[in-house]
Amino acid sequence: MNETAGETLFGSTLRAYLTGRWRIKRAITDRKGPNGVFSGCARFEAAGPDVLDYVEEGTLSLSDMAMKATRRYRWHTPSPLTAEVYFDDGRFFHSIQLRKGCAETRHFCAPDTYHVGYFFTGKDCWTQQWCVSGPRKDYVSDTVFSRIS
């Protein structure tokens, strides 16, 4: 059950909730290419008063091939339940506003559209689902984040 009350997410701001290390399991269902699985860890670390750096590292397996994969973002958290997410090169990616433990938004990367849903389901677990469609890409990426104590 999603439990948000006013300005908190399970008793924390979004920034406090995210800070720390997370185990990641991602399933990628691609209608135009091979399906994939990503397994690894992510960390959210303070990079300023309202800024978190996100770093994800692990192994991406596609068909019979496996490779190391890394992803980086910068999360600005201007209020308790909002975030503006930027690529590591400083370009704006998307923003989220949590309502009842969930948020949805879109990102356009011509000619494809990226739709993301964030679902905060417990104090130590949340999920993210990307549905990407367009002439170049057509896949769904489901990620489960589990807090590492």
N, C-alpha and C. Protein backbone atom coordinates (compact mmCIF):
# COMPACT_ATOMS: atom_id res chain seq x y z
N MET A 1 0.84 -1.19 0.00
CA MET A 1 0.00 0.00 0.00
C MET A 1 0.88 1.24 0.00
N ASN A 2 0.51 2.20 -0.79
CA ASN A 2 1.25 3.47 -0.82
C ASN A 2 0.77 4.34 0.34
N GLU A 3 1.71 4.81 1.14
CA GLU A 3 1.36 5.63 2.29
C GLU A 3 2.08 6.97 2.21
N THR A 4 1.36 7.96 1.76
CA THR A 4 1.91 9.31 1.81
C THR A 4 0.92 10.15 2.58
N ALA A 5 1.43 11.05 3.36
CA ALA A 5 0.57 11.94 4.13
C ALA A 5 1.14 13.34 4.03
N GLY A 6 0.42 14.20 3.35
CA GLY A 6 0.87 15.59 3.23
C GLY A 6 2.20 15.68 2.53
N GLU A 7 3.23 16.05 3.27
CA GLU A 7 4.53 16.33 2.71
C GLU A 7 5.55 15.21 2.93
N THR A 8 5.10 13.98 3.14
CA THR A 8 6.06 12.90 3.40
C THR A 8 5.78 11.66 2.55
N LEU A 9 6.80 10.85 2.44
CA LEU A 9 6.73 9.57 1.76
C LEU A 9 7.23 8.54 2.79
N PHE A 10 6.30 7.80 3.39
CA PHE A 10 6.64 6.87 4.46
C PHE A 10 7.41 7.57 5.58
N GLY A 11 6.98 8.78 5.92
CA GLY A 11 7.60 9.54 6.99
C GLY A 11 8.83 10.33 6.58
N SER A 12 9.19 10.33 5.31
CA SER A 12 10.39 11.03 4.83
C SER A 12 10.05 11.92 3.64
N THR A 13 10.93 12.87 3.39
CA THR A 13 10.85 13.60 2.13
C THR A 13 11.34 12.65 1.03
N LEU A 14 11.07 12.97 -0.20
CA LEU A 14 11.55 12.16 -1.31
C LEU A 14 13.07 12.06 -1.26
N ARG A 15 13.73 13.17 -1.00
CA ARG A 15 15.20 13.20 -0.93
C ARG A 15 15.72 12.24 0.15
N ALA A 16 15.15 12.30 1.34
CA ALA A 16 15.60 11.42 2.43
C ALA A 16 15.28 9.96 2.12
N TYR A 17 14.12 9.73 1.52
CA TYR A 17 13.72 8.36 1.16
C TYR A 17 14.72 7.75 0.18
N LEU A 18 15.10 8.49 -0.84
CA LEU A 18 15.97 7.95 -1.90
C LEU A 18 17.42 7.79 -1.47
N THR A 19 17.90 8.65 -0.57
CA THR A 19 19.31 8.64 -0.20
C THR A 19 19.74 7.26 0.30
N GLY A 20 20.84 6.78 -0.27
CA GLY A 20 21.38 5.49 0.14
C GLY A 20 21.62 4.57 -1.04
N ARG A 21 21.74 3.27 -0.73
CA ARG A 21 22.05 2.27 -1.76
C ARG A 21 20.86 1.37 -2.01
N TRP A 22 20.69 0.99 -3.27
CA TRP A 22 19.56 0.18 -3.71
C TRP A 22 20.02 -0.96 -4.60
N ARG A 23 19.44 -2.12 -4.43
CA ARG A 23 19.65 -3.25 -5.34
C ARG A 23 18.63 -3.08 -6.47
N ILE A 24 19.08 -3.35 -7.70
CA ILE A 24 18.22 -3.15 -8.87
C ILE A 24 18.05 -4.46 -9.63
N LYS A 25 16.81 -4.73 -10.02
CA LYS A 25 16.48 -5.80 -10.95
C LYS A 25 15.59 -5.18 -12.02
N ARG A 26 16.02 -5.28 -13.28
CA ARG A 26 15.28 -4.66 -14.39
C ARG A 26 15.02 -5.69 -15.48
N ALA A 27 13.78 -5.74 -15.94
CA ALA A 27 13.41 -6.58 -17.08
C ALA A 27 13.03 -5.65 -18.23
N ILE A 28 13.61 -5.92 -19.40
CA ILE A 28 13.35 -5.10 -20.58
C ILE A 28 12.69 -5.98 -21.64
N THR A 29 11.47 -5.62 -22.00
CA THR A 29 10.73 -6.33 -23.04
C THR A 29 10.73 -5.46 -24.28
N ASP A 30 11.50 -5.87 -25.29
CA ASP A 30 11.71 -5.06 -26.49
C ASP A 30 11.00 -5.71 -27.67
N ARG A 31 10.09 -4.96 -28.29
CA ARG A 31 9.35 -5.49 -29.45
C ARG A 31 10.13 -5.37 -30.75
N LYS A 32 11.27 -4.64 -30.71
CA LYS A 32 12.07 -4.45 -31.93
C LYS A 32 13.45 -5.08 -31.83
N GLY A 33 13.77 -5.65 -30.72
CA GLY A 33 15.11 -6.22 -30.54
C GLY A 33 15.10 -7.27 -29.45
N PRO A 34 16.26 -7.66 -29.00
CA PRO A 34 16.31 -8.69 -27.97
C PRO A 34 15.82 -8.15 -26.62
N ASN A 35 15.18 -9.02 -25.85
CA ASN A 35 14.80 -8.68 -24.49
C ASN A 35 16.05 -8.65 -23.64
N GLY A 36 15.97 -7.99 -22.49
CA GLY A 36 17.15 -7.88 -21.66
C GLY A 36 16.82 -7.95 -20.18
N VAL A 37 17.88 -8.15 -19.40
CA VAL A 37 17.80 -8.15 -17.94
C VAL A 37 19.00 -7.36 -17.43
N PHE A 38 18.74 -6.44 -16.50
CA PHE A 38 19.81 -5.70 -15.85
C PHE A 38 19.77 -6.05 -14.37
N SER A 39 20.95 -6.27 -13.80
CA SER A 39 21.07 -6.56 -12.38
C SER A 39 22.25 -5.75 -11.85
N GLY A 40 22.03 -5.04 -10.76
CA GLY A 40 23.11 -4.24 -10.22
C GLY A 40 22.70 -3.47 -8.99
N CYS A 41 23.39 -2.37 -8.75
CA CYS A 41 23.14 -1.51 -7.59
C CYS A 41 23.10 -0.06 -8.04
N ALA A 42 22.38 0.73 -7.26
CA ALA A 42 22.32 2.17 -7.48
C ALA A 42 22.56 2.86 -6.16
N ARG A 43 23.01 4.10 -6.24
CA ARG A 43 23.15 4.90 -5.02
C ARG A 43 22.71 6.32 -5.32
N PHE A 44 22.05 6.90 -4.35
CA PHE A 44 21.70 8.32 -4.34
C PHE A 44 22.55 8.96 -3.27
N GLU A 45 23.38 9.93 -3.65
CA GLU A 45 24.28 10.60 -2.71
C GLU A 45 24.07 12.10 -2.78
N ALA A 46 24.13 12.75 -1.62
CA ALA A 46 23.98 14.20 -1.56
C ALA A 46 25.08 14.88 -2.37
N ALA A 47 24.67 15.87 -3.18
CA ALA A 47 25.61 16.65 -3.98
C ALA A 47 25.36 18.14 -3.77
N GLY A 48 24.59 18.47 -2.76
CA GLY A 48 24.24 19.84 -2.43
C GLY A 48 23.00 19.82 -1.56
N PRO A 49 22.55 20.98 -1.09
CA PRO A 49 21.41 21.02 -0.16
C PRO A 49 20.14 20.36 -0.71
N ASP A 50 19.86 20.52 -1.98
CA ASP A 50 18.65 19.95 -2.58
C ASP A 50 18.98 19.10 -3.80
N VAL A 51 20.17 18.51 -3.82
CA VAL A 51 20.62 17.77 -5.00
C VAL A 51 21.13 16.39 -4.60
N LEU A 52 20.72 15.39 -5.38
CA LEU A 52 21.22 14.03 -5.22
C LEU A 52 21.84 13.57 -6.53
N ASP A 53 23.00 12.96 -6.45
CA ASP A 53 23.59 12.30 -7.62
C ASP A 53 23.17 10.84 -7.60
N TYR A 54 22.71 10.37 -8.75
CA TYR A 54 22.29 8.97 -8.91
C TYR A 54 23.31 8.27 -9.79
N VAL A 55 23.84 7.16 -9.32
CA VAL A 55 24.76 6.34 -10.10
C VAL A 55 24.27 4.90 -10.04
N GLU A 56 24.14 4.31 -11.21
CA GLU A 56 23.68 2.92 -11.34
C GLU A 56 24.76 2.13 -12.05
N GLU A 57 25.11 0.97 -11.50
CA GLU A 57 26.14 0.12 -12.10
C GLU A 57 25.69 -1.34 -12.01
N GLY A 58 25.97 -2.08 -13.05
CA GLY A 58 25.60 -3.48 -13.03
C GLY A 58 25.91 -4.16 -14.33
N THR A 59 25.19 -5.25 -14.57
CA THR A 59 25.38 -6.05 -15.78
C THR A 59 24.08 -6.10 -16.56
N LEU A 60 24.16 -5.79 -17.85
CA LEU A 60 23.03 -5.87 -18.76
C LEU A 60 23.23 -7.11 -19.62
N SER A 61 22.24 -7.99 -19.62
CA SER A 61 22.28 -9.21 -20.44
C SER A 61 21.22 -9.11 -21.52
N LEU A 62 21.65 -9.24 -22.77
CA LEU A 62 20.77 -9.23 -23.94
C LEU A 62 21.04 -10.50 -24.73
N SER A 63 20.02 -11.32 -24.91
CA SER A 63 20.19 -12.61 -25.60
C SER A 63 21.32 -13.39 -24.94
N ASP A 64 22.37 -13.70 -25.69
CA ASP A 64 23.48 -14.48 -25.14
C ASP A 64 24.71 -13.61 -24.87
N MET A 65 24.50 -12.31 -24.71
CA MET A 65 25.60 -11.37 -24.50
C MET A 65 25.38 -10.62 -23.18
N ALA A 66 26.45 -10.43 -22.38
CA ALA A 66 26.38 -9.66 -21.15
C ALA A 66 27.45 -8.57 -21.18
N MET A 67 27.12 -7.40 -20.65
CA MET A 67 28.07 -6.29 -20.63
C MET A 67 27.86 -5.44 -19.38
N LYS A 68 28.91 -4.76 -18.95
CA LYS A 68 28.81 -3.82 -17.84
C LYS A 68 28.03 -2.60 -18.31
N ALA A 69 27.21 -2.05 -17.44
CA ALA A 69 26.40 -0.89 -17.78
C ALA A 69 26.39 0.10 -16.62
N THR A 70 26.43 1.38 -16.94
CA THR A 70 26.41 2.45 -15.95
C THR A 70 25.47 3.55 -16.43
N ARG A 71 24.77 4.15 -15.49
CA ARG A 71 23.86 5.26 -15.79
C ARG A 71 24.00 6.29 -14.68
N ARG A 72 23.95 7.57 -15.04
CA ARG A 72 24.08 8.64 -14.05
C ARG A 72 23.04 9.73 -14.32
N TYR A 73 22.45 10.22 -13.24
CA TYR A 73 21.52 11.34 -13.31
C TYR A 73 21.77 12.25 -12.11
N ARG A 74 21.26 13.45 -12.19
CA ARG A 74 21.27 14.39 -11.06
C ARG A 74 19.82 14.74 -10.75
N TRP A 75 19.43 14.50 -9.51
CA TRP A 75 18.06 14.76 -9.05
C TRP A 75 18.06 16.03 -8.19
N HIS A 76 17.33 17.06 -8.63
CA HIS A 76 17.11 18.26 -7.82
C HIS A 76 15.78 18.06 -7.11
N THR A 77 15.76 18.31 -5.81
CA THR A 77 14.55 18.09 -5.01
C THR A 77 14.12 19.41 -4.36
N PRO A 78 13.42 20.27 -5.13
CA PRO A 78 13.09 21.61 -4.63
C PRO A 78 12.02 21.64 -3.53
N SER A 79 11.23 20.57 -3.40
CA SER A 79 10.24 20.50 -2.33
C SER A 79 10.13 19.05 -1.88
N PRO A 80 9.43 18.78 -0.78
CA PRO A 80 9.47 17.44 -0.18
C PRO A 80 9.07 16.27 -1.08
N LEU A 81 8.16 16.48 -2.03
CA LEU A 81 7.69 15.37 -2.86
C LEU A 81 7.85 15.62 -4.36
N THR A 82 8.79 16.48 -4.73
CA THR A 82 9.04 16.74 -6.15
C THR A 82 10.51 16.55 -6.48
N ALA A 83 10.75 16.28 -7.75
CA ALA A 83 12.13 16.17 -8.23
C ALA A 83 12.18 16.60 -9.69
N GLU A 84 13.30 17.20 -10.04
CA GLU A 84 13.64 17.49 -11.43
C GLU A 84 14.87 16.66 -11.73
N VAL A 85 14.77 15.82 -12.74
CA VAL A 85 15.85 14.88 -13.06
C VAL A 85 16.59 15.38 -14.30
N TYR A 86 17.93 15.40 -14.19
CA TYR A 86 18.78 15.86 -15.28
C TYR A 86 19.74 14.76 -15.69
N PHE A 87 20.07 14.74 -16.98
CA PHE A 87 21.12 13.84 -17.45
C PHE A 87 22.45 14.28 -16.82
N ASP A 88 23.44 13.41 -16.84
CA ASP A 88 24.72 13.76 -16.21
C ASP A 88 25.45 14.89 -16.94
N ASP A 89 25.04 15.22 -18.16
CA ASP A 89 25.66 16.35 -18.87
C ASP A 89 24.93 17.67 -18.62
N GLY A 90 23.93 17.65 -17.73
CA GLY A 90 23.22 18.86 -17.35
C GLY A 90 21.92 19.13 -18.08
N ARG A 91 21.61 18.36 -19.13
CA ARG A 91 20.35 18.57 -19.86
C ARG A 91 19.18 18.08 -19.02
N PHE A 92 18.05 18.82 -19.08
CA PHE A 92 16.84 18.43 -18.36
C PHE A 92 16.29 17.13 -18.95
N PHE A 93 15.84 16.23 -18.06
CA PHE A 93 15.26 14.95 -18.48
C PHE A 93 13.75 14.96 -18.24
N HIS A 94 13.33 15.04 -16.97
CA HIS A 94 11.91 15.09 -16.65
C HIS A 94 11.74 15.52 -15.19
N SER A 95 10.51 15.85 -14.82
CA SER A 95 10.22 16.18 -13.44
C SER A 95 9.11 15.29 -12.93
N ILE A 96 9.07 15.11 -11.61
CA ILE A 96 8.01 14.30 -11.01
C ILE A 96 7.41 15.04 -9.82
N GLN A 97 6.13 14.81 -9.62
CA GLN A 97 5.39 15.33 -8.46
C GLN A 97 4.63 14.14 -7.89
N LEU A 98 5.06 13.69 -6.71
CA LEU A 98 4.42 12.53 -6.11
C LEU A 98 3.04 12.88 -5.57
N ARG A 99 2.11 11.99 -5.84
CA ARG A 99 0.76 12.06 -5.30
C ARG A 99 0.39 10.65 -4.89
N LYS A 100 0.11 10.47 -3.60
CA LYS A 100 -0.25 9.15 -3.06
C LYS A 100 0.81 8.10 -3.40
N GLY A 101 2.08 8.49 -3.33
CA GLY A 101 3.17 7.55 -3.54
C GLY A 101 3.46 7.20 -4.98
N CYS A 102 2.86 7.92 -5.92
CA CYS A 102 3.06 7.64 -7.35
C CYS A 102 3.32 8.93 -8.11
N ALA A 103 3.95 8.78 -9.26
CA ALA A 103 4.15 9.92 -10.16
C ALA A 103 4.27 9.38 -11.58
N GLU A 104 3.76 10.12 -12.52
CA GLU A 104 3.89 9.77 -13.94
C GLU A 104 4.27 11.01 -14.71
N THR A 105 5.09 10.82 -15.74
CA THR A 105 5.46 11.93 -16.61
C THR A 105 5.95 11.38 -17.94
N ARG A 106 6.24 12.29 -18.87
CA ARG A 106 6.73 11.92 -20.20
C ARG A 106 8.01 12.68 -20.52
N HIS A 107 8.78 12.09 -21.41
CA HIS A 107 9.96 12.75 -21.96
C HIS A 107 9.95 12.46 -23.46
N PHE A 108 10.09 13.52 -24.26
CA PHE A 108 10.12 13.36 -25.70
C PHE A 108 11.57 13.42 -26.17
N CYS A 109 11.98 12.40 -26.88
CA CYS A 109 13.31 12.36 -27.48
C CYS A 109 13.06 11.99 -28.94
N ALA A 110 12.79 13.02 -29.73
CA ALA A 110 12.34 12.83 -31.11
C ALA A 110 13.18 11.78 -31.83
N PRO A 111 12.50 10.86 -32.47
CA PRO A 111 11.07 10.80 -32.71
C PRO A 111 10.31 9.91 -31.72
N ASP A 112 10.94 9.50 -30.62
CA ASP A 112 10.30 8.57 -29.69
C ASP A 112 9.79 9.27 -28.43
N THR A 113 8.81 8.64 -27.77
CA THR A 113 8.23 9.16 -26.54
C THR A 113 8.49 8.18 -25.40
N TYR A 114 8.95 8.73 -24.29
CA TYR A 114 9.24 7.95 -23.09
C TYR A 114 8.20 8.31 -22.02
N HIS A 115 7.45 7.34 -21.55
CA HIS A 115 6.48 7.54 -20.48
C HIS A 115 6.99 6.78 -19.27
N VAL A 116 7.08 7.44 -18.11
CA VAL A 116 7.59 6.78 -16.91
C VAL A 116 6.58 6.87 -15.77
N GLY A 117 6.52 5.79 -15.02
CA GLY A 117 5.73 5.76 -13.79
C GLY A 117 6.63 5.38 -12.63
N TYR A 118 6.52 6.12 -11.54
CA TYR A 118 7.23 5.82 -10.30
C TYR A 118 6.18 5.35 -9.29
N PHE A 119 6.47 4.25 -8.60
CA PHE A 119 5.52 3.68 -7.65
C PHE A 119 6.26 3.32 -6.37
N PHE A 120 6.03 4.10 -5.31
CA PHE A 120 6.70 3.88 -4.04
C PHE A 120 5.78 3.00 -3.19
N THR A 121 6.16 1.74 -3.05
CA THR A 121 5.27 0.72 -2.49
C THR A 121 5.58 0.34 -1.05
N GLY A 122 6.70 0.78 -0.53
CA GLY A 122 7.06 0.48 0.85
C GLY A 122 8.25 1.30 1.27
N LYS A 123 8.60 1.21 2.55
CA LYS A 123 9.72 2.00 3.06
C LYS A 123 11.04 1.64 2.40
N ASP A 124 11.16 0.42 1.93
CA ASP A 124 12.42 -0.06 1.37
C ASP A 124 12.30 -0.63 -0.03
N CYS A 125 11.22 -0.29 -0.74
CA CYS A 125 11.02 -0.84 -2.08
C CYS A 125 10.20 0.13 -2.93
N TRP A 126 10.65 0.32 -4.17
CA TRP A 126 9.89 1.11 -5.13
C TRP A 126 10.15 0.58 -6.53
N THR A 127 9.27 0.94 -7.45
CA THR A 127 9.42 0.47 -8.82
C THR A 127 9.34 1.65 -9.78
N GLN A 128 9.88 1.40 -10.96
CA GLN A 128 9.89 2.40 -12.03
C GLN A 128 9.57 1.64 -13.31
N GLN A 129 8.63 2.16 -14.09
CA GLN A 129 8.31 1.53 -15.37
C GLN A 129 8.40 2.56 -16.48
N TRP A 130 9.23 2.24 -17.49
CA TRP A 130 9.35 3.06 -18.69
C TRP A 130 8.65 2.34 -19.84
N CYS A 131 7.77 3.05 -20.52
CA CYS A 131 7.15 2.55 -21.75
C CYS A 131 7.62 3.50 -22.86
N VAL A 132 8.38 2.96 -23.79
CA VAL A 132 9.00 3.77 -24.84
C VAL A 132 8.39 3.35 -26.17
N SER A 133 7.91 4.35 -26.92
CA SER A 133 7.30 4.03 -28.22
C SER A 133 7.69 5.07 -29.25
N GLY A 134 7.72 4.62 -30.48
CA GLY A 134 8.05 5.50 -31.59
C GLY A 134 8.60 4.69 -32.74
N PRO A 135 9.03 5.37 -33.77
CA PRO A 135 9.54 4.65 -34.94
C PRO A 135 10.88 3.95 -34.68
N ARG A 136 11.66 4.44 -33.73
CA ARG A 136 12.97 3.82 -33.48
C ARG A 136 12.95 2.83 -32.32
N LYS A 137 12.12 3.10 -31.31
CA LYS A 137 12.13 2.27 -30.11
C LYS A 137 10.72 1.84 -29.74
N ASP A 138 10.62 0.64 -29.17
CA ASP A 138 9.33 0.11 -28.74
C ASP A 138 9.59 -0.93 -27.65
N TYR A 139 9.70 -0.47 -26.40
CA TYR A 139 10.00 -1.42 -25.32
C TYR A 139 9.38 -0.95 -24.00
N VAL A 140 9.34 -1.89 -23.05
CA VAL A 140 8.91 -1.61 -21.69
C VAL A 140 10.04 -2.06 -20.78
N SER A 141 10.40 -1.20 -19.84
CA SER A 141 11.46 -1.49 -18.88
C SER A 141 10.87 -1.40 -17.48
N ASP A 142 10.85 -2.52 -16.76
CA ASP A 142 10.32 -2.58 -15.39
C ASP A 142 11.49 -2.77 -14.43
N THR A 143 11.62 -1.85 -13.47
CA THR A 143 12.73 -1.91 -12.51
C THR A 143 12.19 -1.94 -11.10
N VAL A 144 12.76 -2.86 -10.29
CA VAL A 144 12.44 -2.94 -8.86
C VAL A 144 13.69 -2.50 -8.10
N PHE A 145 13.51 -1.55 -7.19
CA PHE A 145 14.58 -1.04 -6.33
C PHE A 145 14.31 -1.55 -4.91
N SER A 146 15.28 -2.24 -4.32
CA SER A 146 15.19 -2.73 -2.95
C SER A 146 16.34 -2.14 -2.15
N ARG A 147 16.02 -1.51 -1.03
CA ARG A 147 17.04 -0.84 -0.23
C ARG A 147 18.06 -1.85 0.29
N ILE A 148 19.33 -1.45 0.24
CA ILE A 148 20.42 -2.24 0.81
C ILE A 148 20.72 -1.63 2.18
N SER A 149 20.57 -2.40 3.23
CA SER A 149 20.78 -1.89 4.60
C SER A 149 22.24 -1.62 4.86
